[in-house]
All heavy atoms as atom14 arrays in JSON, in Angstrom:
{
  "sequence": "QIQPPVLQSHWNREADLLTKSVVIAMEAVEKNNKKLV",
  "atom14_mask": [
    [1, 1, 1, 1, 1, 1, 1, 1, 1, 0, 0, 0, 0, 0],
    [1, 1, 1, 1, 1, 1, 1, 1, 0, 0, 0, 0, 0, 0],
    [1, 1, 1, 1, 1, 1, 1, 1, 1, 0, 0, 0, 0, 0],
    [1, 1, 1, 1, 1, 1, 1, 0, 0, 0, 0, 0, 0, 0],
    [1, 1, 1, 1, 1, 1, 1, 0, 0, 0, 0, 0, 0, 0],
    [1, 1, 1, 1, 1, 1, 1, 0, 0, 0, 0, 0, 0, 0],
    [1, 1, 1, 1, 1, 1, 1, 1, 0, 0, 0, 0, 0, 0],
    [1, 1, 1, 1, 1, 1, 1, 1, 1, 0, 0, 0, 0, 0],
    [1, 1, 1, 1, 1, 1, 0, 0, 0, 0, 0, 0, 0, 0],
    [1, 1, 1, 1, 1, 1, 1, 1, 1, 1, 0, 0, 0, 0],
    [1, 1, 1, 1, 1, 1, 1, 1, 1, 1, 1, 1, 1, 1],
    [1, 1, 1, 1, 1, 1, 1, 1, 0, 0, 0, 0, 0, 0],
    [1, 1, 1, 1, 1, 1, 1, 1, 1, 1, 1, 0, 0, 0],
    [1, 1, 1, 1, 1, 1, 1, 1, 1, 0, 0, 0, 0, 0],
    [1, 1, 1, 1, 1, 0, 0, 0, 0, 0, 0, 0, 0, 0],
    [1, 1, 1, 1, 1, 1, 1, 1, 0, 0, 0, 0, 0, 0],
    [1, 1, 1, 1, 1, 1, 1, 1, 0, 0, 0, 0, 0, 0],
    [1, 1, 1, 1, 1, 1, 1, 1, 0, 0, 0, 0, 0, 0],
    [1, 1, 1, 1, 1, 1, 1, 0, 0, 0, 0, 0, 0, 0],
    [1, 1, 1, 1, 1, 1, 1, 1, 1, 0, 0, 0, 0, 0],
    [1, 1, 1, 1, 1, 1, 0, 0, 0, 0, 0, 0, 0, 0],
    [1, 1, 1, 1, 1, 1, 1, 0, 0, 0, 0, 0, 0, 0],
    [1, 1, 1, 1, 1, 1, 1, 0, 0, 0, 0, 0, 0, 0],
    [1, 1, 1, 1, 1, 1, 1, 1, 0, 0, 0, 0, 0, 0],
    [1, 1, 1, 1, 1, 0, 0, 0, 0, 0, 0, 0, 0, 0],
    [1, 1, 1, 1, 1, 1, 1, 1, 0, 0, 0, 0, 0, 0],
    [1, 1, 1, 1, 1, 1, 1, 1, 1, 0, 0, 0, 0, 0],
    [1, 1, 1, 1, 1, 0, 0, 0, 0, 0, 0, 0, 0, 0],
    [1, 1, 1, 1, 1, 1, 1, 0, 0, 0, 0, 0, 0, 0],
    [1, 1, 1, 1, 1, 1, 1, 1, 1, 0, 0, 0, 0, 0],
    [1, 1, 1, 1, 1, 1, 1, 1, 1, 0, 0, 0, 0, 0],
    [1, 1, 1, 1, 1, 1, 1, 1, 0, 0, 0, 0, 0, 0],
    [1, 1, 1, 1, 1, 1, 1, 1, 0, 0, 0, 0, 0, 0],
    [1, 1, 1, 1, 1, 1, 1, 1, 1, 0, 0, 0, 0, 0],
    [1, 1, 1, 1, 1, 1, 1, 1, 1, 0, 0, 0, 0, 0],
    [1, 1, 1, 1, 1, 1, 1, 1, 0, 0, 0, 0, 0, 0],
    [1, 1, 1, 1, 1, 1, 1, 0, 0, 0, 0, 0, 0, 0]
  ],
  "atom14_positions": [
    [[85.44, 103.73, 94.73], [84.73, 102.62, 94.24], [85.46, 102.07, 92.97], [85.47, 102.91, 92.0], [83.24, 102.84, 94.01], [82.45, 102.84, 95.17], [82.38, 101.52, 95.92], [83.13, 101.18, 96.77], [81.5, 100.53, 95.38], [0.0, 0.0, 0.0], [0.0, 0.0, 0.0], [0.0, 0.0, 0.0], [0.0, 0.0, 0.0], [0.0, 0.0, 0.0]],
    [[85.93, 100.93, 93.1], [86.54, 100.32, 91.87], [85.65, 99.17, 91.3], [85.06, 98.51, 92.03], [88.01, 99.79, 92.29], [88.89, 99.79, 91.03], [87.93, 98.4, 92.72], [89.54, 101.11, 90.88], [0.0, 0.0, 0.0], [0.0, 0.0, 0.0], [0.0, 0.0, 0.0], [0.0, 0.0, 0.0], [0.0, 0.0, 0.0], [0.0, 0.0, 0.0]],
    [[85.59, 99.24, 89.98], [84.74, 98.29, 89.34], [85.58, 97.04, 89.09], [86.8, 97.16, 88.8], [84.28, 98.8, 87.96], [83.32, 100.01, 88.14], [82.05, 99.61, 88.84], [81.55, 98.6, 88.7], [81.48, 100.54, 89.74], [0.0, 0.0, 0.0], [0.0, 0.0, 0.0], [0.0, 0.0, 0.0], [0.0, 0.0, 0.0], [0.0, 0.0, 0.0]],
    [[84.96, 95.89, 89.22], [85.77, 94.75, 88.85], [86.08, 94.72, 87.48], [85.51, 95.29, 86.62], [84.76, 93.51, 89.19], [83.69, 94.13, 89.98], [83.67, 95.64, 89.69], [0.0, 0.0, 0.0], [0.0, 0.0, 0.0], [0.0, 0.0, 0.0], [0.0, 0.0, 0.0], [0.0, 0.0, 0.0], [0.0, 0.0, 0.0], [0.0, 0.0, 0.0]],
    [[87.22, 93.97, 87.08], [87.66, 93.94, 85.67], [86.56, 93.32, 84.88], [85.78, 92.49, 85.26], [88.92, 93.02, 85.78], [89.0, 92.52, 87.12], [88.08, 93.24, 87.98], [0.0, 0.0, 0.0], [0.0, 0.0, 0.0], [0.0, 0.0, 0.0], [0.0, 0.0, 0.0], [0.0, 0.0, 0.0], [0.0, 0.0, 0.0], [0.0, 0.0, 0.0]],
    [[86.55, 93.76, 83.6], [85.61, 93.18, 82.63], [85.92, 91.81, 82.34], [87.17, 91.54, 82.05], [85.56, 94.14, 81.41], [84.58, 93.45, 80.39], [85.24, 95.45, 81.65], [0.0, 0.0, 0.0], [0.0, 0.0, 0.0], [0.0, 0.0, 0.0], [0.0, 0.0, 0.0], [0.0, 0.0, 0.0], [0.0, 0.0, 0.0], [0.0, 0.0, 0.0]],
    [[84.95, 90.95, 82.37], [85.14, 89.53, 82.09], [85.21, 89.37, 80.57], [84.2, 89.46, 79.85], [84.13, 88.61, 82.61], [84.27, 88.13, 84.02], [83.05, 87.2, 84.43], [85.45, 87.34, 84.23], [0.0, 0.0, 0.0], [0.0, 0.0, 0.0], [0.0, 0.0, 0.0], [0.0, 0.0, 0.0], [0.0, 0.0, 0.0], [0.0, 0.0, 0.0]],
    [[86.38, 89.21, 79.98], [86.58, 89.0, 78.64], [87.63, 87.92, 78.49], [88.59, 87.8, 79.25], [87.06, 90.23, 77.86], [88.25, 90.83, 78.32], [88.57, 92.07, 77.7], [87.68, 92.73, 77.19], [89.78, 92.47, 77.64], [0.0, 0.0, 0.0], [0.0, 0.0, 0.0], [0.0, 0.0, 0.0], [0.0, 0.0, 0.0], [0.0, 0.0, 0.0]],
    [[87.53, 87.12, 77.44], [88.44, 85.99, 77.29], [89.76, 86.64, 76.83], [89.93, 87.45, 75.96], [88.0, 85.0, 76.25], [86.89, 84.32, 76.68], [0.0, 0.0, 0.0], [0.0, 0.0, 0.0], [0.0, 0.0, 0.0], [0.0, 0.0, 0.0], [0.0, 0.0, 0.0], [0.0, 0.0, 0.0], [0.0, 0.0, 0.0], [0.0, 0.0, 0.0]],
    [[90.88, 86.2, 77.52], [92.23, 86.55, 77.14], [92.77, 85.37, 76.33], [92.4, 84.34, 76.36], [92.99, 86.74, 78.44], [92.81, 87.81, 79.25], [93.04, 89.14, 78.88], [92.11, 87.94, 80.37], [92.65, 89.99, 79.81], [92.1, 89.31, 80.73], [0.0, 0.0, 0.0], [0.0, 0.0, 0.0], [0.0, 0.0, 0.0], [0.0, 0.0, 0.0]],
    [[93.81, 85.81, 75.52], [94.39, 84.93, 74.71], [95.42, 84.09, 75.67], [95.86, 83.01, 75.43], [95.19, 85.46, 73.59], [96.15, 86.51, 74.05], [95.87, 87.87, 74.22], [97.45, 86.27, 74.47], [96.95, 88.63, 74.63], [97.94, 87.68, 74.82], [98.35, 85.17, 74.54], [99.27, 87.86, 75.32], [99.57, 85.47, 74.96], [100.12, 86.81, 75.43]],
    [[95.65, 84.83, 76.83], [96.59, 84.23, 77.79], [95.72, 83.49, 78.88], [95.04, 84.05, 79.52], [97.37, 85.36, 78.44], [98.49, 84.85, 79.39], [98.29, 83.82, 80.15], [99.48, 85.68, 79.56], [0.0, 0.0, 0.0], [0.0, 0.0, 0.0], [0.0, 0.0, 0.0], [0.0, 0.0, 0.0], [0.0, 0.0, 0.0], [0.0, 0.0, 0.0]],
    [[95.81, 82.26, 78.87], [94.92, 81.44, 79.73], [95.1, 81.73, 81.2], [94.11, 81.78, 82.02], [95.3, 79.96, 79.54], [94.28, 78.94, 80.37], [94.6, 77.51, 80.07], [93.86, 76.67, 80.89], [94.16, 76.14, 82.11], [95.36, 76.53, 82.58], [93.34, 75.43, 82.73], [0.0, 0.0, 0.0], [0.0, 0.0, 0.0], [0.0, 0.0, 0.0]],
    [[96.36, 82.02, 81.64], [96.54, 82.23, 83.09], [95.92, 83.57, 83.43], [95.27, 83.7, 84.5], [98.03, 82.28, 83.33], [98.7, 80.91, 83.31], [99.0, 80.42, 81.95], [98.93, 81.13, 81.03], [99.28, 79.26, 81.88], [0.0, 0.0, 0.0], [0.0, 0.0, 0.0], [0.0, 0.0, 0.0], [0.0, 0.0, 0.0], [0.0, 0.0, 0.0]],
    [[96.04, 84.59, 82.49], [95.46, 85.86, 82.78], [93.92, 85.65, 82.86], [93.3, 86.35, 83.7], [95.92, 86.94, 81.74], [0.0, 0.0, 0.0], [0.0, 0.0, 0.0], [0.0, 0.0, 0.0], [0.0, 0.0, 0.0], [0.0, 0.0, 0.0], [0.0, 0.0, 0.0], [0.0, 0.0, 0.0], [0.0, 0.0, 0.0], [0.0, 0.0, 0.0]],
    [[93.43, 84.92, 82.05], [91.94, 84.61, 81.97], [91.41, 84.05, 83.28], [90.46, 84.55, 83.9], [91.59, 83.78, 80.82], [90.15, 83.72, 80.56], [89.39, 84.76, 80.65], [89.63, 82.63, 80.19], [0.0, 0.0, 0.0], [0.0, 0.0, 0.0], [0.0, 0.0, 0.0], [0.0, 0.0, 0.0], [0.0, 0.0, 0.0], [0.0, 0.0, 0.0]],
    [[92.13, 83.05, 83.75], [91.84, 82.47, 85.11], [91.94, 83.44, 86.17], [91.07, 83.38, 87.11], [92.64, 81.13, 85.28], [92.36, 79.96, 84.32], [93.43, 78.87, 84.56], [90.96, 79.42, 84.49], [0.0, 0.0, 0.0], [0.0, 0.0, 0.0], [0.0, 0.0, 0.0], [0.0, 0.0, 0.0], [0.0, 0.0, 0.0], [0.0, 0.0, 0.0]],
    [[93.0, 84.17, 86.2], [93.22, 85.07, 87.24], [92.21, 86.23, 87.25], [91.77, 86.6, 88.41], [94.59, 85.73, 87.14], [95.11, 86.59, 88.31], [95.07, 85.85, 89.65], [96.5, 87.15, 88.02], [0.0, 0.0, 0.0], [0.0, 0.0, 0.0], [0.0, 0.0, 0.0], [0.0, 0.0, 0.0], [0.0, 0.0, 0.0], [0.0, 0.0, 0.0]],
    [[91.77, 86.61, 86.13], [90.79, 87.75, 86.0], [89.44, 87.16, 86.56], [88.7, 87.91, 87.31], [90.53, 88.13, 84.54], [91.76, 88.67, 84.11], [89.45, 89.2, 84.37], [0.0, 0.0, 0.0], [0.0, 0.0, 0.0], [0.0, 0.0, 0.0], [0.0, 0.0, 0.0], [0.0, 0.0, 0.0], [0.0, 0.0, 0.0], [0.0, 0.0, 0.0]],
    [[89.05, 85.97, 86.2], [87.83, 85.36, 86.7], [87.93, 85.27, 88.28], [86.93, 85.54, 88.94], [87.51, 84.01, 86.1], [87.08, 84.12, 84.69], [87.01, 82.8, 83.99], [86.62, 82.93, 82.56], [86.58, 81.6, 81.86], [0.0, 0.0, 0.0], [0.0, 0.0, 0.0], [0.0, 0.0, 0.0], [0.0, 0.0, 0.0], [0.0, 0.0, 0.0]],
    [[89.09, 84.81, 88.74], [89.21, 84.68, 90.23], [89.09, 86.14, 91.0], [88.49, 86.16, 91.97], [90.56, 84.05, 90.53], [90.66, 82.82, 90.03], [0.0, 0.0, 0.0], [0.0, 0.0, 0.0], [0.0, 0.0, 0.0], [0.0, 0.0, 0.0], [0.0, 0.0, 0.0], [0.0, 0.0, 0.0], [0.0, 0.0, 0.0], [0.0, 0.0, 0.0]],
    [[89.66, 87.03, 90.33], [89.63, 88.39, 90.9], [88.16, 88.89, 90.9], [87.7, 89.47, 91.99], [90.61, 89.36, 90.2], [90.3, 90.9, 90.56], [92.06, 89.12, 90.47], [0.0, 0.0, 0.0], [0.0, 0.0, 0.0], [0.0, 0.0, 0.0], [0.0, 0.0, 0.0], [0.0, 0.0, 0.0], [0.0, 0.0, 0.0], [0.0, 0.0, 0.0]],
    [[87.47, 88.72, 89.84], [86.09, 89.22, 89.76], [85.2, 88.45, 90.85], [84.44, 89.1, 91.53], [85.5, 88.95, 88.35], [84.03, 89.15, 88.41], [86.14, 89.83, 87.42], [0.0, 0.0, 0.0], [0.0, 0.0, 0.0], [0.0, 0.0, 0.0], [0.0, 0.0, 0.0], [0.0, 0.0, 0.0], [0.0, 0.0, 0.0], [0.0, 0.0, 0.0]],
    [[85.43, 87.21, 90.92], [84.67, 86.37, 92.0], [84.95, 86.94, 93.34], [84.09, 87.1, 94.15], [84.98, 84.9, 91.89], [84.3, 84.35, 90.59], [84.46, 84.14, 93.01], [84.86, 83.06, 90.1], [0.0, 0.0, 0.0], [0.0, 0.0, 0.0], [0.0, 0.0, 0.0], [0.0, 0.0, 0.0], [0.0, 0.0, 0.0], [0.0, 0.0, 0.0]],
    [[86.2, 87.11, 93.67], [86.6, 87.6, 95.02], [86.03, 88.95, 95.29], [85.57, 89.18, 96.34], [88.2, 87.56, 95.04], [0.0, 0.0, 0.0], [0.0, 0.0, 0.0], [0.0, 0.0, 0.0], [0.0, 0.0, 0.0], [0.0, 0.0, 0.0], [0.0, 0.0, 0.0], [0.0, 0.0, 0.0], [0.0, 0.0, 0.0], [0.0, 0.0, 0.0]],
    [[86.2, 89.87, 94.31], [85.62, 91.25, 94.5], [84.11, 91.17, 94.76], [83.59, 91.98, 95.53], [86.02, 92.1, 93.27], [87.51, 92.57, 93.27], [87.97, 93.43, 91.85], [87.42, 95.07, 92.32], [0.0, 0.0, 0.0], [0.0, 0.0, 0.0], [0.0, 0.0, 0.0], [0.0, 0.0, 0.0], [0.0, 0.0, 0.0], [0.0, 0.0, 0.0]],
    [[83.36, 90.37, 94.0], [81.98, 90.26, 94.17], [81.58, 89.75, 95.54], [80.64, 90.16, 96.14], [81.29, 89.48, 93.03], [81.35, 90.07, 91.73], [80.93, 89.22, 90.61], [80.81, 88.01, 90.79], [80.65, 89.63, 89.43], [0.0, 0.0, 0.0], [0.0, 0.0, 0.0], [0.0, 0.0, 0.0], [0.0, 0.0, 0.0], [0.0, 0.0, 0.0]],
    [[82.28, 88.77, 96.02], [82.12, 88.2, 97.34], [82.44, 89.25, 98.45], [81.6, 89.29, 99.34], [82.96, 86.92, 97.47], [0.0, 0.0, 0.0], [0.0, 0.0, 0.0], [0.0, 0.0, 0.0], [0.0, 0.0, 0.0], [0.0, 0.0, 0.0], [0.0, 0.0, 0.0], [0.0, 0.0, 0.0], [0.0, 0.0, 0.0], [0.0, 0.0, 0.0]],
    [[83.5, 89.97, 98.29], [83.81, 90.94, 99.31], [82.63, 92.02, 99.29], [82.21, 92.54, 100.42], [85.23, 91.65, 99.06], [85.33, 92.88, 99.75], [86.28, 90.66, 99.25], [0.0, 0.0, 0.0], [0.0, 0.0, 0.0], [0.0, 0.0, 0.0], [0.0, 0.0, 0.0], [0.0, 0.0, 0.0], [0.0, 0.0, 0.0], [0.0, 0.0, 0.0]],
    [[82.24, 92.45, 98.19], [81.14, 93.48, 97.99], [79.88, 93.0, 98.65], [79.22, 93.76, 99.36], [81.02, 93.9, 96.57], [80.02, 95.11, 96.41], [80.62, 96.43, 97.03], [81.76, 96.58, 96.96], [79.75, 97.21, 97.55], [0.0, 0.0, 0.0], [0.0, 0.0, 0.0], [0.0, 0.0, 0.0], [0.0, 0.0, 0.0], [0.0, 0.0, 0.0]],
    [[79.58, 91.8, 98.38], [78.37, 91.14, 98.86], [78.37, 91.09, 100.46], [77.47, 91.41, 101.15], [78.07, 89.83, 98.43], [76.83, 89.04, 98.94], [76.77, 87.65, 98.16], [75.67, 86.88, 98.96], [75.59, 85.54, 98.4], [0.0, 0.0, 0.0], [0.0, 0.0, 0.0], [0.0, 0.0, 0.0], [0.0, 0.0, 0.0], [0.0, 0.0, 0.0]],
    [[79.62, 90.63, 100.96], [79.75, 90.51, 102.49], [79.69, 91.9, 103.1], [79.15, 92.01, 104.12], [80.97, 89.72, 102.74], [80.78, 88.18, 102.38], [79.72, 87.7, 102.37], [81.99, 87.62, 102.18], [0.0, 0.0, 0.0], [0.0, 0.0, 0.0], [0.0, 0.0, 0.0], [0.0, 0.0, 0.0], [0.0, 0.0, 0.0], [0.0, 0.0, 0.0]],
    [[80.21, 92.86, 102.47], [80.32, 94.23, 102.98], [78.91, 94.83, 103.01], [78.5, 95.45, 104.03], [81.27, 95.16, 102.09], [81.44, 96.5, 102.79], [81.59, 96.65, 103.96], [81.48, 97.45, 101.91], [0.0, 0.0, 0.0], [0.0, 0.0, 0.0], [0.0, 0.0, 0.0], [0.0, 0.0, 0.0], [0.0, 0.0, 0.0], [0.0, 0.0, 0.0]],
    [[78.11, 94.59, 102.0], [76.71, 95.14, 102.01], [75.95, 94.42, 103.09], [75.12, 95.12, 103.85], [76.1, 94.83, 100.68], [76.52, 95.86, 99.6], [75.9, 95.53, 98.37], [76.32, 96.51, 97.26], [75.61, 96.26, 95.87], [0.0, 0.0, 0.0], [0.0, 0.0, 0.0], [0.0, 0.0, 0.0], [0.0, 0.0, 0.0], [0.0, 0.0, 0.0]],
    [[76.14, 93.19, 103.37], [75.44, 92.39, 104.36], [75.91, 92.92, 105.8], [75.1, 93.12, 106.6], [75.75, 90.95, 104.24], [75.0, 90.07, 105.24], [75.3, 88.52, 105.07], [74.57, 87.81, 106.21], [74.93, 86.37, 106.08], [0.0, 0.0, 0.0], [0.0, 0.0, 0.0], [0.0, 0.0, 0.0], [0.0, 0.0, 0.0], [0.0, 0.0, 0.0]],
    [[77.1, 93.18, 106.0], [77.57, 93.66, 107.21], [77.06, 95.12, 107.53], [76.69, 95.4, 108.66], [79.09, 93.64, 107.26], [79.82, 92.33, 107.4], [81.3, 92.44, 107.3], [79.43, 91.61, 108.72], [0.0, 0.0, 0.0], [0.0, 0.0, 0.0], [0.0, 0.0, 0.0], [0.0, 0.0, 0.0], [0.0, 0.0, 0.0], [0.0, 0.0, 0.0]],
    [[77.05, 95.88, 106.52], [76.52, 97.22, 106.72], [74.95, 97.22, 107.0], [74.58, 97.83, 107.95], [76.74, 98.11, 105.43], [75.86, 99.47, 105.48], [78.18, 98.45, 105.21], [0.0, 0.0, 0.0], [0.0, 0.0, 0.0], [0.0, 0.0, 0.0], [0.0, 0.0, 0.0], [0.0, 0.0, 0.0], [0.0, 0.0, 0.0], [0.0, 0.0, 0.0]]
  ]
}
């Protein structure tokens, strides 16, 4: 079990946007997985 990255503001805008996207994607996958189970 891997925890999504902590949402914290980066000084690097691209890294910040990518982190938010990864968190959203991981939460969606986890939600869908729980629903399928």
